[in-house]
C-alpha atoms as a PDB file:
ATOM      1  CA  MET A   1     -86.692  14.288  -3.041  1.00  0.00           C
ATOM      2  CA  ALA A   2     -82.966  13.958  -2.294  1.00  0.00           C
ATOM      3  CA  ASP A   3     -81.734  11.921   0.646  1.00  0.00           C
ATOM      4  CA  THR A   4     -79.180  14.589   1.626  1.00  0.00           C
ATOM      5  CA  PHE A   5     -79.168  18.301   2.321  1.00  0.00           C
ATOM      6  CA  LEU A   6     -76.534  21.027   2.437  1.00  0.00           C
ATOM      7  CA  LEU A   7     -75.208  21.813   5.924  1.00  0.00           C
ATOM      8  CA  GLU A   8     -73.356  25.105   6.243  1.00  0.00           C
ATOM      9  CA  ILE A   9     -71.747  26.162   9.515  1.00  0.00           C
ATOM     10  CA  VAL A  10     -70.578  29.769   9.728  1.00  0.00           C
ATOM     11  CA  THR A  11     -68.845  31.845  12.424  1.00  0.00           C
ATOM     12  CA  PRO A  12     -68.392  35.625  12.313  1.00  0.00           C
ATOM     13  CA  THR A  13     -64.967  35.118  10.717  1.00  0.00           C
ATOM     14  CA  GLN A  14     -65.224  32.071   8.449  1.00  0.00           C
ATOM     15  CA  LEU A  15     -67.187  29.357   6.705  1.00  0.00           C
ATOM     16  CA  VAL A  16     -66.399  26.279   8.818  1.00  0.00           C
ATOM     17  CA  LEU A  17     -68.294  23.595   6.894  1.00  0.00           C
ATOM     18  CA  SER A  18     -70.249  23.228   3.668  1.00  0.00           C
ATOM     19  CA  GLU A  19     -71.151  19.586   2.974  1.00  0.00           C
ATOM     20  CA  GLN A  20     -74.012  17.400   1.817  1.00  0.00           C
ATOM     21  CA  VAL A  21     -75.124  15.386   4.854  1.00  0.00           C
ATOM     22  CA  ASP A  22     -77.710  12.711   5.606  1.00  0.00           C
ATOM     23  CA  TYR A  23     -78.729  13.860   9.098  1.00  0.00           C
ATOM     24  CA  MET A  24     -77.799  16.417  11.758  1.00  0.00           C
ATOM     25  CA  THR A  25     -78.664  17.191  15.374  1.00  0.00           C
ATOM     26  CA  ALA A  26     -78.082  20.313  17.455  1.00  0.00           C
ATOM     27  CA  THR A  27     -79.233  21.827  20.752  1.00  0.00           C
ATOM     28  CA  GLY A  28     -81.814  24.526  20.261  1.00  0.00           C
ATOM     29  CA  SER A  29     -83.164  26.846  22.918  1.00  0.00           C
ATOM     30  CA  GLU A  30     -86.165  24.522  23.364  1.00  0.00           C
ATOM     31  CA  GLY A  31     -84.120  21.302  23.326  1.00  0.00           C
ATOM     32  CA  GLU A  32     -82.309  19.004  20.930  1.00  0.00           C
ATOM     33  CA  PHE A  33     -83.596  18.742  17.362  1.00  0.00           C
ATOM     34  CA  GLY A  34     -82.756  16.574  14.381  1.00  0.00           C
ATOM     35  CA  VAL A  35     -83.023  17.300  10.672  1.00  0.00           C
ATOM     36  CA  LEU A  36     -83.400  15.063   7.628  1.00  0.00           C
ATOM     37  CA  ALA A  37     -83.691  16.152   3.991  1.00  0.00           C
ATOM     38  CA  GLY A  38     -87.109  17.654   3.248  1.00  0.00           C
ATOM     39  CA  HIS A  39     -87.590  19.025   6.780  1.00  0.00           C
ATOM     40  CA  ALA A  40     -90.191  21.735   7.324  1.00  0.00           C
ATOM     41  CA  PRO A  41     -88.588  25.195   7.482  1.00  0.00           C
ATOM     42  CA  PHE A  42     -87.987  26.846  10.860  1.00  0.00           C
ATOM     43  CA  LEU A  43     -85.654  29.227  12.702  1.00  0.00           C
ATOM     44  CA  THR A  44     -84.312  28.700  16.214  1.00  0.00           C
ATOM     45  CA  THR A  45     -81.694  29.993  18.587  1.00  0.00           C
ATOM     46  CA  LEU A  46     -78.940  27.577  19.600  1.00  0.00           C
ATOM     47  CA  LYS A  47     -77.456  26.848  23.005  1.00  0.00           C
ATOM     48  CA  SER A  48     -73.787  26.014  23.362  1.00  0.00           C
ATOM     49  CA  GLY A  49     -73.365  22.291  22.922  1.00  0.00           C
ATOM     50  CA  GLU A  50     -72.702  19.519  20.458  1.00  0.00           C
ATOM     51  CA  LEU A  51     -73.690  19.486  16.813  1.00  0.00           C
ATOM     52  CA  SER A  52     -73.437  16.115  15.099  1.00  0.00           C
ATOM     53  CA  TYR A  53     -73.942  15.189  11.489  1.00  0.00           C
ATOM     54  CA  LYS A  54     -73.863  11.988   9.498  1.00  0.00           C
ATOM     55  CA  ILE A  55     -72.450  11.337   6.038  1.00  0.00           C
ATOM     56  CA  GLY A  56     -73.085   7.729   5.070  1.00  0.00           C
ATOM     57  CA  SER A  57     -71.996   5.616   8.044  1.00  0.00           C
ATOM     58  CA  ASP A  58     -69.580   8.283   9.347  1.00  0.00           C
ATOM     59  CA  THR A  59     -70.774  10.480  12.234  1.00  0.00           C
ATOM     60  CA  LYS A  60     -68.898  13.701  13.007  1.00  0.00           C
ATOM     61  CA  ARG A  61     -69.260  15.975  16.018  1.00  0.00           C
ATOM     62  CA  LEU A  62     -68.441  19.630  16.629  1.00  0.00           C
ATOM     63  CA  ALA A  63     -68.710  21.845  19.705  1.00  0.00           C
ATOM     64  CA  ILE A  64     -70.616  25.026  18.918  1.00  0.00           C
ATOM     65  CA  GLY A  65     -71.257  28.221  20.820  1.00  0.00           C
ATOM     66  CA  ILE A  66     -74.518  30.093  20.995  1.00  0.00           C
ATOM     67  CA  GLY A  67     -76.069  31.112  17.713  1.00  0.00           C
ATOM     68  CA  TYR A  68     -78.922  30.532  15.272  1.00  0.00           C
ATOM     69  CA  ALA A  69     -80.118  27.776  12.950  1.00  0.00           C
ATOM     70  CA  GLU A  70     -82.106  28.263   9.774  1.00  0.00           C
ATOM     71  CA  VAL A  71     -83.590  24.953   8.648  1.00  0.00           C
ATOM     72  CA  GLY A  72     -85.074  24.371   5.217  1.00  0.00           C
ATOM     73  CA  PRO A  73     -85.928  21.311   3.114  1.00  0.00           C
ATOM     74  CA  GLU A  74     -82.649  21.448   1.142  1.00  0.00           C
ATOM     75  CA  LYS A  75     -80.279  23.458   3.356  1.00  0.00           C
ATOM     76  CA  VAL A  76     -79.472  24.086   7.020  1.00  0.00           C
ATOM     77  CA  THR A  77     -77.406  27.122   7.971  1.00  0.00           C
ATOM     78  CA  ILE A  78     -75.828  27.268  11.419  1.00  0.00           C
ATOM     79  CA  LEU A  79     -74.613  30.705  12.534  1.00  0.00           C
ATOM     80  CA  ALA A  80     -72.522  30.131  15.653  1.00  0.00           C
ATOM     81  CA  GLU A  81     -70.354  32.389  17.784  1.00  0.00           C
ATOM     82  CA  THR A  82     -67.651  29.690  17.976  1.00  0.00           C
ATOM     83  CA  VAL A  83     -67.049  26.239  16.493  1.00  0.00           C
ATOM     84  CA  SER A  84     -64.393  23.687  17.460  1.00  0.00           C
END
């Protein structure tokens, strides 16, 4: 199993991010969740808030609007109304 997974962040108008990451967190409708490679698949709605992801020792943060997350063992897709 790989130690990274593909994180794609998409708005209605553009692909914002497509990178291999080690870890990510976001705020779902039921609370904050984190994802590592090999995670069990699930779908959730997202609240507006912070999405963070880690590549090596570098942590990056983005503000996201409401949307959806599709989590799988090798890929996470974030569909957000806005990203900044």
